[in-house]
């Protein structure tokens, strides 16, 4: 009874927040938006795009807008887009995170050729800064665009490594609290993309349960994370990244083990990744079809062929990023180790795109 009451309360809070937060703009209204950029802008061949206050805005490629910048934009509302936007003010971020992030991206881009650099930047810190239109279309057509973003696996690696290191030095409860703090520092560092925020909340719930000696229920944590996000930012209800992340995670929880048992006859090294990819596809395929008019039916196979490269790319990329803060030359050997892995990833994508 209590859980139903809490569920109803969370829904009521979301509805209340949504009614307050929903833009009161009408088509044809001229508006001025002042906001900080909380997500990495997407860059096409001749444009860059961001979403501010629930409005999609397309700019010329220069001046370059980055995560953390403060903008003042004026334009005419046209549906959920801003028509003829004028960039009135661009204040580059002077915080600690953002210059450090730019240094890491610069190091990756100067060491690895494109699109290897774009792949590594996306996987390690969620940057879409150098993912150009052609590469992005290849990722979308093969159903692998979700891979080239920082996601739940990154949060698990960061939180797990921190926790396992600290429990050797201090009490578990303290280690859990520090691990949760590190997770959110990583989320802020990468950018407040919906999939990463969702993973951060679920990871925090998992660590809190572990610290308190409670059982962790992934489905319950998923719905808690979804409602928490929507109460904080109700406009995420229309965010495709939020919807895809939620449905993919829910599908994994519901179907992965069942599919794994059904395909018991496949080799174990192939079976795990294939069951993961196929389970996620069950949830996201209808959404992709509704949003884009198509989806790739062999996406689970493509994802299976590349999924094994993501964890080592992430780990090596994080190590090289930390070393690169000290000295660029220290990070070079680690980045070179990534090259064979990214080459296999790109070979598969190019073959099937």
C-alpha atoms as a PDB file:
ATOM      1  CA  UNK A   1       0.000   0.000   0.000  1.00  0.00           C
ATOM      2  CA  UNK A   2       2.795   2.416   0.920  1.00  0.00           C
ATOM      3  CA  UNK A   3       4.632   1.921  -2.393  1.00  0.00           C
ATOM      4  CA  UNK A   4       1.453   2.749  -4.359  1.00  0.00           C
ATOM      5  CA  UNK A   5       0.972   5.889  -2.288  1.00  0.00           C
ATOM      6  CA  UNK A   6       4.587   6.923  -2.900  1.00  0.00           C
ATOM      7  CA  UNK A   7       4.179   6.227  -6.613  1.00  0.00           C
ATOM      8  CA  UNK A   8       1.074   8.393  -6.752  1.00  0.00           C
ATOM      9  CA  UNK A   9       2.845  11.140  -4.793  1.00  0.00           C
ATOM     10  CA  UNK A  10       5.804  11.115  -7.185  1.00  0.00           C
ATOM     11  CA  UNK A  11       3.461  11.304 -10.181  1.00  0.00           C
ATOM     12  CA  UNK A  12       1.571  14.213  -8.591  1.00  0.00           C
ATOM     13  CA  UNK A  13       4.865  16.056  -7.920  1.00  0.00           C
ATOM     14  CA  UNK A  14       5.934  15.517 -11.534  1.00  0.00           C
ATOM     15  CA  UNK A  15       2.586  16.769 -12.863  1.00  0.00           C
ATOM     16  CA  UNK A  16       2.762  19.859 -10.631  1.00  0.00           C
ATOM     17  CA  UNK A  17       6.356  20.597 -11.700  1.00  0.00           C
ATOM     18  CA  UNK A  18       5.499  20.041 -15.364  1.00  0.00           C
ATOM     19  CA  UNK A  19       2.604  22.513 -15.281  1.00  0.00           C
ATOM     20  CA  UNK A  20       4.958  25.114 -13.800  1.00  0.00           C
ATOM     21  CA  UNK A  21       7.944  24.373 -16.036  1.00  0.00           C
ATOM     22  CA  UNK A  22       6.224  23.930 -19.409  1.00  0.00           C
ATOM     23  CA  UNK A  23       7.040  26.905 -21.640  1.00  0.00           C
ATOM     24  CA  UNK A  24       4.138  29.296 -22.106  1.00  0.00           C
ATOM     25  CA  UNK A  25       5.349  30.287 -25.561  1.00  0.00           C
ATOM     26  CA  UNK A  26       3.080  30.565 -28.593  1.00  0.00           C
ATOM     27  CA  UNK A  27       4.202  30.117 -32.183  1.00  0.00           C
ATOM     28  CA  UNK A  28       5.356  33.491 -33.479  1.00  0.00           C
ATOM     29  CA  UNK A  29       6.364  34.837 -30.072  1.00  0.00           C
ATOM     30  CA  UNK A  30       9.739  36.573 -29.957  1.00  0.00           C
ATOM     31  CA  UNK A  31      11.560  35.402 -26.843  1.00  0.00           C
ATOM     32  CA  UNK A  32      14.907  35.887 -25.156  1.00  0.00           C
ATOM     33  CA  UNK A  33      16.538  32.914 -23.386  1.00  0.00           C
ATOM     34  CA  UNK A  34      19.303  33.246 -20.800  1.00  0.00           C
ATOM     35  CA  UNK A  35      20.785  29.908 -19.814  1.00  0.00           C
ATOM     36  CA  UNK A  36      23.905  27.879 -19.123  1.00  0.00           C
ATOM     37  CA  UNK A  37      24.657  25.084 -21.591  1.00  0.00           C
ATOM     38  CA  UNK A  38      24.287  21.898 -19.543  1.00  0.00           C
ATOM     39  CA  UNK A  39      24.842  19.405 -22.366  1.00  0.00           C
ATOM     40  CA  UNK A  40      27.474  19.122 -25.080  1.00  0.00           C
ATOM     41  CA  UNK A  41      26.132  20.781 -28.278  1.00  0.00           C
ATOM     42  CA  UNK A  42      25.781  18.591 -31.359  1.00  0.00           C
ATOM     43  CA  UNK A  43      27.849  19.755 -34.321  1.00  0.00           C
ATOM     44  CA  UNK A  44      26.801  19.149 -37.909  1.00  0.00           C
ATOM     45  CA  UNK A  45      28.797  20.009 -40.986  1.00  0.00           C
ATOM     46  CA  UNK A  46      27.461  23.576 -41.160  1.00  0.00           C
ATOM     47  CA  UNK A  47      25.704  24.063 -37.838  1.00  0.00           C
ATOM     48  CA  UNK A  48      25.672  23.388 -34.106  1.00  0.00           C
ATOM     49  CA  UNK A  49      22.534  22.703 -32.095  1.00  0.00           C
ATOM     50  CA  UNK A  50      21.530  22.799 -28.440  1.00  0.00           C
ATOM     51  CA  UNK A  51      18.322  22.625 -26.419  1.00  0.00           C
ATOM     52  CA  UNK A  52      17.613  25.410 -23.919  1.00  0.00           C
ATOM     53  CA  UNK A  53      14.413  25.679 -21.848  1.00  0.00           C
ATOM     54  CA  UNK A  54      12.853  22.916 -23.952  1.00  0.00           C
ATOM     55  CA  UNK A  55      13.531  24.794 -27.223  1.00  0.00           C
ATOM     56  CA  UNK A  56      15.794  23.386 -29.959  1.00  0.00           C
ATOM     57  CA  UNK A  57      18.172  26.035 -31.309  1.00  0.00           C
ATOM     58  CA  UNK A  58      20.407  25.820 -34.387  1.00  0.00           C
ATOM     59  CA  UNK A  59      23.425  28.117 -34.719  1.00  0.00           C
ATOM     60  CA  UNK A  60      26.145  28.689 -37.269  1.00  0.00           C
ATOM     61  CA  UNK A  61      29.263  26.580 -36.553  1.00  0.00           C
ATOM     62  CA  UNK A  62      31.123  29.640 -35.191  1.00  0.00           C
ATOM     63  CA  UNK A  63      31.533  30.990 -32.597  1.00  0.00           C
ATOM     64  CA  UNK A  64      31.868  27.557 -31.071  1.00  0.00           C
ATOM     65  CA  UNK A  65      29.561  26.855 -28.115  1.00  0.00           C
ATOM     66  CA  UNK A  66      30.741  24.460 -25.404  1.00  0.00           C
ATOM     67  CA  UNK A  67      29.369  22.711 -22.352  1.00  0.00           C
ATOM     68  CA  UNK A  68      29.291  25.176 -19.432  1.00  0.00           C
ATOM     69  CA  UNK A  69      29.005  28.377 -21.503  1.00  0.00           C
ATOM     70  CA  UNK A  70      26.395  31.008 -20.643  1.00  0.00           C
ATOM     71  CA  UNK A  71      24.234  32.220 -23.532  1.00  0.00           C
ATOM     72  CA  UNK A  72      21.709  34.911 -24.276  1.00  0.00           C
ATOM     73  CA  UNK A  73      19.661  34.003 -27.364  1.00  0.00           C
ATOM     74  CA  UNK A  74      16.756  35.728 -29.059  1.00  0.00           C
ATOM     75  CA  UNK A  75      14.455  34.390 -31.733  1.00  0.00           C
ATOM     76  CA  UNK A  76      10.926  33.507 -32.828  1.00  0.00           C
ATOM     77  CA  UNK A  77       9.178  30.405 -31.489  1.00  0.00           C
ATOM     78  CA  UNK A  78       8.331  27.843 -34.167  1.00  0.00           C
ATOM     79  CA  UNK A  79       6.923  24.736 -32.497  1.00  0.00           C
ATOM     80  CA  UNK A  80       9.701  23.340 -30.303  1.00  0.00           C
ATOM     81  CA  UNK A  81      12.364  25.212 -32.271  1.00  0.00           C
ATOM     82  CA  UNK A  82      13.661  28.788 -32.296  1.00  0.00           C
ATOM     83  CA  UNK A  83      13.463  30.384 -35.720  1.00  0.00           C
ATOM     84  CA  UNK A  84      16.188  32.814 -36.845  1.00  0.00           C
ATOM     85  CA  UNK A  85      18.052  32.704 -33.514  1.00  0.00           C
ATOM     86  CA  UNK A  86      20.407  35.568 -32.698  1.00  0.00           C
ATOM     87  CA  UNK A  87      23.276  34.870 -30.308  1.00  0.00           C
ATOM     88  CA  UNK A  88      23.336  38.084 -28.271  1.00  0.00           C
ATOM     89  CA  UNK A  89      25.891  36.983 -25.688  1.00  0.00           C
ATOM     90  CA  UNK A  90      28.351  34.122 -25.247  1.00  0.00           C
ATOM     91  CA  UNK A  91      30.255  33.908 -21.972  1.00  0.00           C
ATOM     92  CA  UNK A  92      32.828  31.123 -21.934  1.00  0.00           C
ATOM     93  CA  UNK A  93      32.928  29.075 -18.759  1.00  0.00           C
ATOM     94  CA  UNK A  94      35.732  29.819 -16.313  1.00  0.00           C
ATOM     95  CA  UNK A  95      34.964  27.002 -13.866  1.00  0.00           C
ATOM     96  CA  UNK A  96      37.410  24.253 -12.927  1.00  0.00           C
ATOM     97  CA  UNK A  97      35.721  21.418 -14.805  1.00  0.00           C
ATOM     98  CA  UNK A  98      35.312  22.960 -18.216  1.00  0.00           C
ATOM     99  CA  UNK A  99      38.913  23.977 -19.050  1.00  0.00           C
ATOM    100  CA  UNK A 100      40.060  20.591 -17.736  1.00  0.00           C
ATOM    101  CA  UNK A 101      37.542  18.885 -20.001  1.00  0.00           C
ATOM    102  CA  UNK A 102      38.772  20.878 -22.975  1.00  0.00           C
ATOM    103  CA  UNK A 103      42.372  19.897 -22.181  1.00  0.00           C
ATOM    104  CA  UNK A 104      41.461  16.199 -22.174  1.00  0.00           C
ATOM    105  CA  UNK A 105      39.556  16.532 -25.461  1.00  0.00           C
ATOM    106  CA  UNK A 106      42.457  18.412 -27.029  1.00  0.00           C
ATOM    107  CA  UNK A 107      44.861  15.684 -25.957  1.00  0.00           C
ATOM    108  CA  UNK A 108      42.684  12.941 -27.477  1.00  0.00           C
ATOM    109  CA  UNK A 109      42.118  14.865 -30.709  1.00  0.00           C
ATOM    110  CA  UNK A 110      45.805  15.664 -31.185  1.00  0.00           C
ATOM    111  CA  UNK A 111      46.862  12.043 -30.607  1.00  0.00           C
ATOM    112  CA  UNK A 112      44.248   9.946 -32.410  1.00  0.00           C
ATOM    113  CA  UNK A 113      43.016  10.522 -35.974  1.00  0.00           C
ATOM    114  CA  UNK A 114      39.361  11.171 -36.728  1.00  0.00           C
ATOM    115  CA  UNK A 115      36.972   9.369 -36.229  1.00  0.00           C
ATOM    116  CA  UNK A 116      38.952   7.387 -33.609  1.00  0.00           C
ATOM    117  CA  UNK A 117      39.272  10.561 -31.533  1.00  0.00           C
ATOM    118  CA  UNK A 118      35.519  11.241 -31.764  1.00  0.00           C
ATOM    119  CA  UNK A 119      34.744   7.685 -30.678  1.00  0.00           C
ATOM    120  CA  UNK A 120      37.067   7.807 -27.662  1.00  0.00           C
ATOM    121  CA  UNK A 121      35.909  11.296 -26.605  1.00  0.00           C
ATOM    122  CA  UNK A 122      32.283  10.173 -26.734  1.00  0.00           C
ATOM    123  CA  UNK A 123      32.785   6.902 -24.898  1.00  0.00           C
ATOM    124  CA  UNK A 124      35.027   8.298 -22.132  1.00  0.00           C
ATOM    125  CA  UNK A 125      33.505  11.701 -21.298  1.00  0.00           C
ATOM    126  CA  UNK A 126      30.347  11.862 -23.394  1.00  0.00           C
ATOM    127  CA  UNK A 127      31.582  14.534 -25.778  1.00  0.00           C
ATOM    128  CA  UNK A 128      29.800  14.919 -29.119  1.00  0.00           C
ATOM    129  CA  UNK A 129      31.964  17.904 -29.979  1.00  0.00           C
ATOM    130  CA  UNK A 130      33.855  16.222 -32.827  1.00  0.00           C
ATOM    131  CA  UNK A 131      31.272  13.681 -33.990  1.00  0.00           C
ATOM    132  CA  UNK A 132      30.544  15.065 -37.435  1.00  0.00           C
ATOM    133  CA  UNK A 133      27.453  14.382 -39.508  1.00  0.00           C
ATOM    134  CA  UNK A 134      28.801  11.476 -41.570  1.00  0.00           C
ATOM    135  CA  UNK A 135      30.019   9.494 -38.562  1.00  0.00           C
ATOM    136  CA  UNK A 136      26.839  10.267 -36.605  1.00  0.00           C
ATOM    137  CA  UNK A 137      24.660   9.009 -39.473  1.00  0.00           C
ATOM    138  CA  UNK A 138      26.693   5.779 -39.639  1.00  0.00           C
ATOM    139  CA  UNK A 139      26.165   5.267 -35.909  1.00  0.00           C
ATOM    140  CA  UNK A 140      22.439   5.933 -36.201  1.00  0.00           C
ATOM    141  CA  UNK A 141      21.991   3.653 -39.210  1.00  0.00           C
ATOM    142  CA  UNK A 142      23.688   0.764 -37.410  1.00  0.00           C
ATOM    143  CA  UNK A 143      21.836   1.343 -34.128  1.00  0.00           C
ATOM    144  CA  UNK A 144      25.046   2.066 -32.222  1.00  0.00           C
ATOM    145  CA  UNK A 145      24.731   5.796 -31.485  1.00  0.00           C
ATOM    146  CA  UNK A 146      23.951   5.013 -27.831  1.00  0.00           C
ATOM    147  CA  UNK A 147      27.392   3.409 -27.459  1.00  0.00           C
ATOM    148  CA  UNK A 148      29.315   6.587 -28.234  1.00  0.00           C
ATOM    149  CA  UNK A 149      28.139   8.386 -25.104  1.00  0.00           C
ATOM    150  CA  UNK A 150      29.144   8.139 -21.467  1.00  0.00           C
ATOM    151  CA  UNK A 151      26.515   5.920 -19.849  1.00  0.00           C
ATOM    152  CA  UNK A 152      25.689   3.460 -17.100  1.00  0.00           C
ATOM    153  CA  UNK A 153      28.783   1.365 -17.680  1.00  0.00           C
ATOM    154  CA  UNK A 154      31.001   4.400 -17.107  1.00  0.00           C
ATOM    155  CA  UNK A 155      29.230   5.149 -13.845  1.00  0.00           C
ATOM    156  CA  UNK A 156      29.620   1.516 -12.741  1.00  0.00           C
ATOM    157  CA  UNK A 157      33.330   1.559 -13.551  1.00  0.00           C
ATOM    158  CA  UNK A 158      33.964   4.884 -11.796  1.00  0.00           C
ATOM    159  CA  UNK A 159      31.890   4.048  -8.736  1.00  0.00           C
ATOM    160  CA  UNK A 160      33.082   0.457  -8.493  1.00  0.00           C
ATOM    161  CA  UNK A 161      36.754   1.358  -8.786  1.00  0.00           C
ATOM    162  CA  UNK A 162      36.414   4.094  -6.152  1.00  0.00           C
ATOM    163  CA  UNK A 163      34.538   1.852  -3.720  1.00  0.00           C
ATOM    164  CA  UNK A 164      36.863  -1.136  -4.098  1.00  0.00           C
ATOM    165  CA  UNK A 165      39.884   1.110  -3.593  1.00  0.00           C
ATOM    166  CA  UNK A 166      38.525   2.916  -0.534  1.00  0.00           C
ATOM    167  CA  UNK A 167      37.250  -0.092   1.409  1.00  0.00           C
ATOM    168  CA  UNK A 168      40.890  -1.114   1.764  1.00  0.00           C
ATOM    169  CA  UNK A 169      41.575   2.156   3.590  1.00  0.00           C
ATOM    170  CA  UNK A 170      38.407   3.121   5.449  1.00  0.00           C
ATOM    171  CA  UNK A 171      35.010   1.911   6.659  1.00  0.00           C
ATOM    172  CA  UNK A 172      32.497   0.768   4.050  1.00  0.00           C
ATOM    173  CA  UNK A 173      29.931   3.486   4.828  1.00  0.00           C
ATOM    174  CA  UNK A 174      32.508   6.225   4.329  1.00  0.00           C
ATOM    175  CA  UNK A 175      33.718   4.526   1.152  1.00  0.00           C
ATOM    176  CA  UNK A 176      30.129   4.401  -0.146  1.00  0.00           C
ATOM    177  CA  UNK A 177      29.583   8.130   0.501  1.00  0.00           C
ATOM    178  CA  UNK A 178      32.833   9.086  -1.227  1.00  0.00           C
ATOM    179  CA  UNK A 179      31.993   6.777  -4.174  1.00  0.00           C
ATOM    180  CA  UNK A 180      28.616   8.469  -4.624  1.00  0.00           C
ATOM    181  CA  UNK A 181      30.318  11.883  -4.559  1.00  0.00           C
ATOM    182  CA  UNK A 182      32.835  10.717  -7.190  1.00  0.00           C
ATOM    183  CA  UNK A 183      30.003   9.416  -9.376  1.00  0.00           C
ATOM    184  CA  UNK A 184      28.320  12.834  -9.390  1.00  0.00           C
ATOM    185  CA  UNK A 185      31.581  14.649 -10.015  1.00  0.00           C
ATOM    186  CA  UNK A 186      31.979  12.415 -13.067  1.00  0.00           C
ATOM    187  CA  UNK A 187      28.399  13.120 -14.205  1.00  0.00           C
ATOM    188  CA  UNK A 188      28.979  16.878 -13.889  1.00  0.00           C
ATOM    189  CA  UNK A 189      32.300  16.570 -15.682  1.00  0.00           C
ATOM    190  CA  UNK A 190      30.758  14.717 -18.631  1.00  0.00           C
ATOM    191  CA  UNK A 191      27.615  16.824 -18.925  1.00  0.00           C
ATOM    192  CA  UNK A 192      24.074  16.454 -17.636  1.00  0.00           C
ATOM    193  CA  UNK A 193      22.849  14.183 -20.424  1.00  0.00           C
ATOM    194  CA  UNK A 194      19.713  12.264 -19.454  1.00  0.00           C
ATOM    195  CA  UNK A 195      21.238   8.734 -19.775  1.00  0.00           C
ATOM    196  CA  UNK A 196      24.172   9.694 -17.562  1.00  0.00           C
ATOM    197  CA  UNK A 197      22.002  11.379 -14.919  1.00  0.00           C
ATOM    198  CA  UNK A 198      19.754   8.290 -14.871  1.00  0.00           C
ATOM    199  CA  UNK A 199      22.798   6.062 -14.376  1.00  0.00           C
ATOM    200  CA  UNK A 200      24.116   8.375 -11.650  1.00  0.00           C
ATOM    201  CA  UNK A 201      20.888   8.156  -9.660  1.00  0.00           C
ATOM    202  CA  UNK A 202      20.610   4.372 -10.070  1.00  0.00           C
ATOM    203  CA  UNK A 203      24.262   3.963  -9.106  1.00  0.00           C
ATOM    204  CA  UNK A 204      23.739   6.121  -6.022  1.00  0.00           C
ATOM    205  CA  UNK A 205      20.691   4.083  -4.984  1.00  0.00           C
ATOM    206  CA  UNK A 206      22.680   0.858  -5.446  1.00  0.00           C
ATOM    207  CA  UNK A 207      25.570   2.108  -3.307  1.00  0.00           C
ATOM    208  CA  UNK A 208      23.227   3.438  -0.590  1.00  0.00           C
ATOM    209  CA  UNK A 209      21.504   0.038  -0.443  1.00  0.00           C
ATOM    210  CA  UNK A 210      24.908  -1.626  -0.204  1.00  0.00           C
ATOM    211  CA  UNK A 211      26.024   0.722   2.549  1.00  0.00           C
ATOM    212  CA  UNK A 212      22.851   0.117   4.559  1.00  0.00           C
ATOM    213  CA  UNK A 213      22.905  -3.630   3.968  1.00  0.00           C
ATOM    214  CA  UNK A 214      19.624  -3.543   2.015  1.00  0.00           C
ATOM    215  CA  UNK A 215      18.599  -5.478  -1.089  1.00  0.00           C
ATOM    216  CA  UNK A 216      18.894  -3.496  -4.322  1.00  0.00           C
ATOM    217  CA  UNK A 217      15.941  -3.783  -6.716  1.00  0.00           C
ATOM    218  CA  UNK A 218      16.969  -2.496 -10.135  1.00  0.00           C
ATOM    219  CA  UNK A 219      13.411  -1.960 -11.405  1.00  0.00           C
ATOM    220  CA  UNK A 220      12.498   0.106  -8.360  1.00  0.00           C
ATOM    221  CA  UNK A 221      15.717   2.120  -8.676  1.00  0.00           C
ATOM    222  CA  UNK A 222      14.934   2.790 -12.347  1.00  0.00           C
ATOM    223  CA  UNK A 223      11.508   4.243 -11.592  1.00  0.00           C
ATOM    224  CA  UNK A 224      12.889   6.254  -8.676  1.00  0.00           C
ATOM    225  CA  UNK A 225      15.550   7.700 -10.973  1.00  0.00           C
ATOM    226  CA  UNK A 226      13.004   8.479 -13.709  1.00  0.00           C
ATOM    227  CA  UNK A 227      10.599  10.316 -11.372  1.00  0.00           C
ATOM    228  CA  UNK A 228      13.460  12.129  -9.642  1.00  0.00           C
ATOM    229  CA  UNK A 229      14.736  13.384 -12.987  1.00  0.00           C
ATOM    230  CA  UNK A 230      11.279  14.445 -14.153  1.00  0.00           C
ATOM    231  CA  UNK A 231      10.563  16.291 -10.907  1.00  0.00           C
ATOM    232  CA  UNK A 232      13.871  18.173 -11.223  1.00  0.00           C
ATOM    233  CA  UNK A 233      13.488  18.802 -14.972  1.00  0.00           C
ATOM    234  CA  UNK A 234       9.962  17.935 -16.212  1.00  0.00           C
ATOM    235  CA  UNK A 235      10.872  18.818 -19.797  1.00  0.00           C
ATOM    236  CA  UNK A 236      13.000  15.652 -19.922  1.00  0.00           C
ATOM    237  CA  UNK A 237       9.717  13.831 -20.596  1.00  0.00           C
ATOM    238  CA  UNK A 238      10.154  14.928 -24.240  1.00  0.00           C
ATOM    239  CA  UNK A 239      13.885  14.197 -24.379  1.00  0.00           C
ATOM    240  CA  UNK A 240      14.617  11.286 -26.730  1.00  0.00           C
ATOM    241  CA  UNK A 241      17.783  10.402 -24.800  1.00  0.00           C
ATOM    242  CA  UNK A 242      15.755  10.115 -21.570  1.00  0.00           C
ATOM    243  CA  UNK A 243      13.092   7.936 -23.208  1.00  0.00           C
ATOM    244  CA  UNK A 244      15.593   5.635 -24.924  1.00  0.00           C
ATOM    245  CA  UNK A 245      17.722   5.289 -21.798  1.00  0.00           C
ATOM    246  CA  UNK A 246      14.695   4.450 -19.641  1.00  0.00           C
ATOM    247  CA  UNK A 247      13.239   1.914 -22.082  1.00  0.00           C
ATOM    248  CA  UNK A 248      16.602   0.259 -22.798  1.00  0.00           C
ATOM    249  CA  UNK A 249      17.293  -0.163 -19.079  1.00  0.00           C
ATOM    250  CA  UNK A 250      13.785  -1.451 -18.373  1.00  0.00           C
ATOM    251  CA  UNK A 251      14.084  -3.947 -21.230  1.00  0.00           C
ATOM    252  CA  UNK A 252      17.425  -5.170 -19.895  1.00  0.00           C
ATOM    253  CA  UNK A 253      15.906  -5.719 -16.457  1.00  0.00           C
ATOM    254  CA  UNK A 254      12.867  -7.562 -17.846  1.00  0.00           C
ATOM    255  CA  UNK A 255      14.289  -9.598 -20.714  1.00  0.00           C
ATOM    256  CA  UNK A 256      18.064 -10.076 -20.558  1.00  0.00           C
ATOM    257  CA  UNK A 257      18.110 -13.156 -18.310  1.00  0.00           C
ATOM    258  CA  UNK A 258      15.217 -14.763 -20.190  1.00  0.00           C
ATOM    259  CA  UNK A 259      16.920 -14.277 -23.548  1.00  0.00           C
ATOM    260  CA  UNK A 260      20.208 -15.545 -22.126  1.00  0.00           C
ATOM    261  CA  UNK A 261      18.526 -18.777 -21.077  1.00  0.00           C
ATOM    262  CA  UNK A 262      16.787 -19.166 -24.450  1.00  0.00           C
ATOM    263  CA  UNK A 263      20.069 -18.936 -26.399  1.00  0.00           C
ATOM    264  CA  UNK A 264      22.013 -21.227 -24.064  1.00  0.00           C
ATOM    265  CA  UNK A 265      23.405 -23.096 -27.093  1.00  0.00           C
ATOM    266  CA  UNK A 266      25.507 -20.114 -28.233  1.00  0.00           C
ATOM    267  CA  UNK A 267      29.123 -19.710 -27.047  1.00  0.00           C
ATOM    268  CA  UNK A 268      29.251 -17.937 -23.683  1.00  0.00           C
ATOM    269  CA  UNK A 269      31.511 -15.067 -24.871  1.00  0.00           C
ATOM    270  CA  UNK A 270      28.958 -14.276 -27.611  1.00  0.00           C
ATOM    271  CA  UNK A 271      25.773 -15.109 -25.675  1.00  0.00           C
ATOM    272  CA  UNK A 272      26.137 -12.455 -22.952  1.00  0.00           C
ATOM    273  CA  UNK A 273      26.657  -9.496 -25.266  1.00  0.00           C
ATOM    274  CA  UNK A 274      24.003 -10.726 -27.720  1.00  0.00           C
ATOM    275  CA  UNK A 275      21.367 -11.179 -25.004  1.00  0.00           C
ATOM    276  CA  UNK A 276      22.190  -7.683 -23.680  1.00  0.00           C
ATOM    277  CA  UNK A 277      21.913  -6.101 -27.147  1.00  0.00           C
ATOM    278  CA  UNK A 278      18.730  -7.974 -28.085  1.00  0.00           C
ATOM    279  CA  UNK A 279      17.029  -7.196 -24.764  1.00  0.00           C
ATOM    280  CA  UNK A 280      17.764  -3.467 -25.102  1.00  0.00           C
ATOM    281  CA  UNK A 281      16.523  -3.507 -28.707  1.00  0.00           C
ATOM    282  CA  UNK A 282      13.092  -4.771 -27.619  1.00  0.00           C
ATOM    283  CA  UNK A 283      12.515  -1.531 -25.747  1.00  0.00           C
ATOM    284  CA  UNK A 284      14.129   0.973 -28.084  1.00  0.00           C
ATOM    285  CA  UNK A 285      13.179  -0.380 -31.549  1.00  0.00           C
ATOM    286  CA  UNK A 286       9.561   0.901 -31.472  1.00  0.00           C
ATOM    287  CA  UNK A 287      10.724   4.323 -30.275  1.00  0.00           C
ATOM    288  CA  UNK A 288      13.380   4.548 -32.986  1.00  0.00           C
ATOM    289  CA  UNK A 289      10.804   3.575 -35.611  1.00  0.00           C
ATOM    290  CA  UNK A 290       8.323   6.210 -34.384  1.00  0.00           C
ATOM    291  CA  UNK A 291      11.031   8.898 -34.119  1.00  0.00           C
ATOM    292  CA  UNK A 292      13.000   8.227 -37.319  1.00  0.00           C
ATOM    293  CA  UNK A 293      10.696   6.022 -39.416  1.00  0.00           C
ATOM    294  CA  UNK A 294      13.141   3.102 -39.409  1.00  0.00           C
ATOM    295  CA  UNK A 295      15.412   0.922 -37.317  1.00  0.00           C
ATOM    296  CA  UNK A 296      18.106  -1.602 -38.127  1.00  0.00           C
ATOM    297  CA  UNK A 297      16.866  -5.190 -37.484  1.00  0.00           C
ATOM    298  CA  UNK A 298      20.430  -6.512 -37.251  1.00  0.00           C
ATOM    299  CA  UNK A 299      21.416  -3.893 -34.676  1.00  0.00           C
ATOM    300  CA  UNK A 300      21.693  -6.529 -31.888  1.00  0.00           C
ATOM    301  CA  UNK A 301      24.268  -8.413 -33.963  1.00  0.00           C
ATOM    302  CA  UNK A 302      26.229  -5.235 -34.742  1.00  0.00           C
ATOM    303  CA  UNK A 303      26.183  -4.227 -31.071  1.00  0.00           C
ATOM    304  CA  UNK A 304      27.370  -7.691 -30.071  1.00  0.00           C
ATOM    305  CA  UNK A 305      30.361  -7.418 -32.394  1.00  0.00           C
ATOM    306  CA  UNK A 306      31.492  -4.095 -30.898  1.00  0.00           C
ATOM    307  CA  UNK A 307      30.252  -4.216 -27.304  1.00  0.00           C
ATOM    308  CA  UNK A 308      33.327  -6.052 -26.007  1.00  0.00           C
ATOM    309  CA  UNK A 309      35.549  -3.099 -27.036  1.00  0.00           C
ATOM    310  CA  UNK A 310      33.680  -0.466 -24.984  1.00  0.00           C
ATOM    311  CA  UNK A 311      34.868  -1.416 -21.487  1.00  0.00           C
ATOM    312  CA  UNK A 312      38.603  -1.485 -22.380  1.00  0.00           C
ATOM    313  CA  UNK A 313      38.263   1.732 -24.417  1.00  0.00           C
ATOM    314  CA  UNK A 314      36.574   3.376 -21.432  1.00  0.00           C
ATOM    315  CA  UNK A 315      39.143   2.151 -18.894  1.00  0.00           C
ATOM    316  CA  UNK A 316      42.167   3.011 -21.038  1.00  0.00           C
ATOM    317  CA  UNK A 317      40.596   6.351 -21.989  1.00  0.00           C
ATOM    318  CA  UNK A 318      40.035   7.285 -18.351  1.00  0.00           C
ATOM    319  CA  UNK A 319      43.593   6.315 -17.407  1.00  0.00           C
ATOM    320  CA  UNK A 320      45.032   8.341 -20.296  1.00  0.00           C
ATOM    321  CA  UNK A 321      42.827  11.323 -19.348  1.00  0.00           C
ATOM    322  CA  UNK A 322      44.095  11.307 -15.761  1.00  0.00           C
ATOM    323  CA  UNK A 323      47.714  10.967 -16.902  1.00  0.00           C
ATOM    324  CA  UNK A 324      47.190  13.673 -19.525  1.00  0.00           C
ATOM    325  CA  UNK A 325      46.284  16.165 -16.800  1.00  0.00           C
ATOM    326  CA  UNK A 326      49.801  15.707 -15.423  1.00  0.00           C
ATOM    327  CA  UNK A 327      51.625  15.466 -18.738  1.00  0.00           C
ATOM    328  CA  UNK A 328      50.491  14.891 -22.315  1.00  0.00           C
ATOM    329  CA  UNK A 329      53.447  12.615 -23.007  1.00  0.00           C
ATOM    330  CA  UNK A 330      52.359  10.270 -20.193  1.00  0.00           C
ATOM    331  CA  UNK A 331      48.986   9.676 -21.827  1.00  0.00           C
ATOM    332  CA  UNK A 332      50.278   8.916 -25.333  1.00  0.00           C
ATOM    333  CA  UNK A 333      51.188   5.214 -24.843  1.00  0.00           C
ATOM    334  CA  UNK A 334      47.760   4.521 -23.301  1.00  0.00           C
ATOM    335  CA  UNK A 335      45.933   6.224 -26.166  1.00  0.00           C
ATOM    336  CA  UNK A 336      47.940   4.203 -28.676  1.00  0.00           C
ATOM    337  CA  UNK A 337      46.712   1.022 -26.953  1.00  0.00           C
ATOM    338  CA  UNK A 338      43.152   2.118 -27.719  1.00  0.00           C
ATOM    339  CA  UNK A 339      43.793   2.357 -31.469  1.00  0.00           C
ATOM    340  CA  UNK A 340      43.372  -1.384 -32.308  1.00  0.00           C
ATOM    341  CA  UNK A 341      40.113  -1.459 -30.325  1.00  0.00           C
ATOM    342  CA  UNK A 342      38.684   1.640 -31.996  1.00  0.00           C
ATOM    343  CA  UNK A 343      39.834   0.302 -35.388  1.00  0.00           C
ATOM    344  CA  UNK A 344      37.754  -2.855 -34.904  1.00  0.00           C
ATOM    345  CA  UNK A 345      34.750  -0.753 -33.795  1.00  0.00           C
ATOM    346  CA  UNK A 346      35.000   1.465 -36.881  1.00  0.00           C
ATOM    347  CA  UNK A 347      35.564  -1.499 -39.197  1.00  0.00           C
ATOM    348  CA  UNK A 348      32.287  -3.070 -38.047  1.00  0.00           C
ATOM    349  CA  UNK A 349      30.388   0.223 -38.308  1.00  0.00           C
ATOM    350  CA  UNK A 350      31.713   0.956 -41.808  1.00  0.00           C
ATOM    351  CA  UNK A 351      30.889  -2.560 -42.988  1.00  0.00           C
ATOM    352  CA  UNK A 352      27.254  -2.471 -41.878  1.00  0.00           C
ATOM    353  CA  UNK A 353      26.439   1.216 -42.431  1.00  0.00           C
END
